[in-house]
Structure formats: C-alpha cells, structure tokens
Amino acid sequence: MRKAFHRKPALSNVERNVQRILHPPKPTLRDQFWRACWKVEEWWCRHVSQRELFRQLDAMRAVLKASREHPAPEDAHQQLEHFRTLVAAEHRTQEPMQRSPEDPAA
C-alpha cells in the first residue's frame, strides 16, 4: 500500500540552522532591488571619498610646486628684493610705455 503523505524527518534546531546556512532561500525581487541599491550607494560613497582624497593631494602638489618655484623669503629685506626682481622682470616683458608730456626725461 502506498502512503498518501511523505513526511520529512523532524530536524533539530541545529540541523535546521545548518540547512538554512548551506541552502539559503532564493533572494526575492525586493532583496535583489535593495542589493542593487546598496551596491550603487557603496560605489558612490567610495567614488566621492576617493575624489576628495585626490583633490587634497592635488592641492598639496600645487603648494609644493609653488614653493619650489618661488622660495619664501625669510625676512623683510629678502621680501623687498624678491618684489623688486619680480617688478623688474615684469617691466622688462612689457612694451615700452608712452611718456607723458610732463615727463622731464622726454
């Protein structure tokens, strides 16, 4: 004679937990949606944090490059000399200015 219902053997809680770990249920559509949202959010957070890091590194590189190009003078006398050389260099690169009529050197 055939049995109408086939019952699974009763599992203990430990066995049931092991089975659940080894054979998890398939993710639902809701689970898949939230997993995708989490991945996008994680990617965006990493992207933004890396972008800020590279902004800070670029700023540090610019500061180091500027300090190498124009060394900072230590005292006021050196600052004045540095300013004079910059003005003289700027003056040399500019076109000669037209002299005004009241200029005695004209």
Protein backbone atom coordinates (compact mmCIF):
# COMPACT_ATOMS: atom_id res chain seq x y z
CA MET A 1 0.00 0.00 0.00
CA ARG A 2 1.17 3.48 -0.82
CA LYS A 3 1.40 6.21 1.76
CA ALA A 4 -0.57 9.32 0.91
CA PHE A 5 1.79 11.75 2.58
CA HIS A 6 5.53 11.54 2.89
CA ARG A 7 6.77 13.39 5.93
CA LYS A 8 10.31 14.63 6.22
CA PRO A 9 12.11 13.52 9.32
CA ALA A 10 11.95 16.05 12.15
CA LEU A 11 15.08 18.19 12.33
CA SER A 12 16.54 19.67 15.44
CA ASN A 13 17.12 23.44 15.58
CA VAL A 14 20.84 22.97 14.99
CA GLU A 15 20.24 20.83 11.91
CA ARG A 16 17.66 23.28 10.62
CA ASN A 17 20.11 26.19 11.07
CA VAL A 18 22.85 24.28 9.27
CA GLN A 19 20.49 23.52 6.39
CA ARG A 20 19.50 27.17 6.20
CA ILE A 21 23.16 28.22 6.06
CA LEU A 22 24.08 25.61 3.45
CA HIS A 23 20.96 26.14 1.33
CA PRO A 24 19.73 29.72 1.78
CA PRO A 25 16.40 30.70 0.23
CA LYS A 26 16.47 32.38 -3.17
CA PRO A 27 16.53 36.20 -2.91
CA THR A 28 13.20 37.82 -3.60
CA LEU A 29 12.73 40.63 -6.10
CA ARG A 30 12.72 43.07 -3.18
CA ASP A 31 16.03 41.65 -1.92
CA GLN A 32 17.57 41.99 -5.37
CA PHE A 33 16.40 45.60 -5.64
CA TRP A 34 17.85 46.57 -2.26
CA ARG A 35 21.10 44.73 -3.03
CA ALA A 36 21.45 46.76 -6.23
CA CYS A 37 20.68 49.98 -4.33
CA TRP A 38 23.30 49.11 -1.72
CA LYS A 39 25.93 48.41 -4.40
CA VAL A 40 25.24 51.73 -6.13
CA GLU A 41 25.36 53.58 -2.81
CA GLU A 42 28.62 51.85 -1.84
CA TRP A 43 30.18 52.67 -5.21
CA TRP A 44 29.10 56.31 -4.95
CA CYS A 45 30.46 56.70 -1.41
CA ARG A 46 33.81 55.25 -2.43
CA HIS A 47 33.89 57.40 -5.56
CA VAL A 48 33.19 60.60 -3.63
CA SER A 49 35.67 59.81 -0.86
CA GLN A 50 38.38 58.99 -3.40
CA ARG A 51 37.60 62.18 -5.31
CA GLU A 52 38.07 64.24 -2.14
CA LEU A 53 41.35 62.45 -1.43
CA PHE A 54 42.66 63.26 -4.89
CA ARG A 55 41.53 66.88 -4.55
CA GLN A 56 43.56 67.16 -1.36
CA LEU A 57 46.58 65.50 -2.99
CA ASP A 58 46.36 67.86 -5.98
CA ALA A 59 46.21 70.86 -3.65
CA MET A 60 49.30 69.63 -1.80
CA ARG A 61 51.13 69.11 -5.10
CA ALA A 62 50.26 72.67 -6.17
CA VAL A 63 51.55 74.07 -2.87
CA LEU A 64 54.81 72.12 -3.17
CA LYS A 65 55.26 73.19 -6.79
CA ALA A 66 54.65 76.84 -5.91
CA SER A 67 57.09 76.68 -3.00
CA ARG A 68 59.77 75.24 -5.30
CA GLU A 69 59.19 77.86 -7.99
CA HIS A 70 59.17 80.81 -5.61
CA PRO A 71 61.04 80.11 -2.40
CA ALA A 72 59.61 82.02 0.53
CA PRO A 73 61.97 84.78 1.74
CA GLU A 74 62.85 84.68 5.42
CA ASP A 75 62.94 88.37 6.30
CA ALA A 76 61.56 91.71 5.10
CA HIS A 77 64.75 92.65 3.23
CA GLN A 78 64.65 89.49 1.16
CA GLN A 79 60.94 90.04 0.53
CA LEU A 80 61.68 93.53 -0.77
CA GLU A 81 64.47 92.27 -3.04
CA HIS A 82 62.22 89.47 -4.30
CA PHE A 83 59.47 92.00 -5.05
CA ARG A 84 61.93 94.26 -6.87
CA THR A 85 63.15 91.42 -9.08
CA LEU A 86 59.57 90.44 -9.90
CA VAL A 87 58.69 94.05 -10.80
CA ALA A 88 61.83 94.41 -12.90
CA ALA A 89 61.10 91.17 -14.74
CA GLU A 90 57.52 92.28 -15.35
CA HIS A 91 58.74 95.69 -16.53
CA ARG A 92 61.18 94.09 -18.99
CA THR A 93 58.45 91.92 -20.53
CA GLN A 94 56.03 94.80 -21.05
CA GLU A 95 56.12 97.03 -24.10
CA PRO A 96 57.67 100.47 -23.59
CA MET A 97 55.11 102.87 -22.24
CA GLN A 98 54.44 106.17 -23.96
CA ARG A 99 55.85 109.06 -21.99
CA SER A 100 53.60 111.74 -20.74
CA PRO A 101 54.17 115.38 -21.88
CA GLU A 102 55.08 116.49 -18.36
CA ASP A 103 57.85 113.88 -18.04
CA PRO A 104 61.17 115.85 -17.88
CA ALA A 105 63.21 112.95 -19.25
CA ALA A 106 61.39 113.10 -22.58
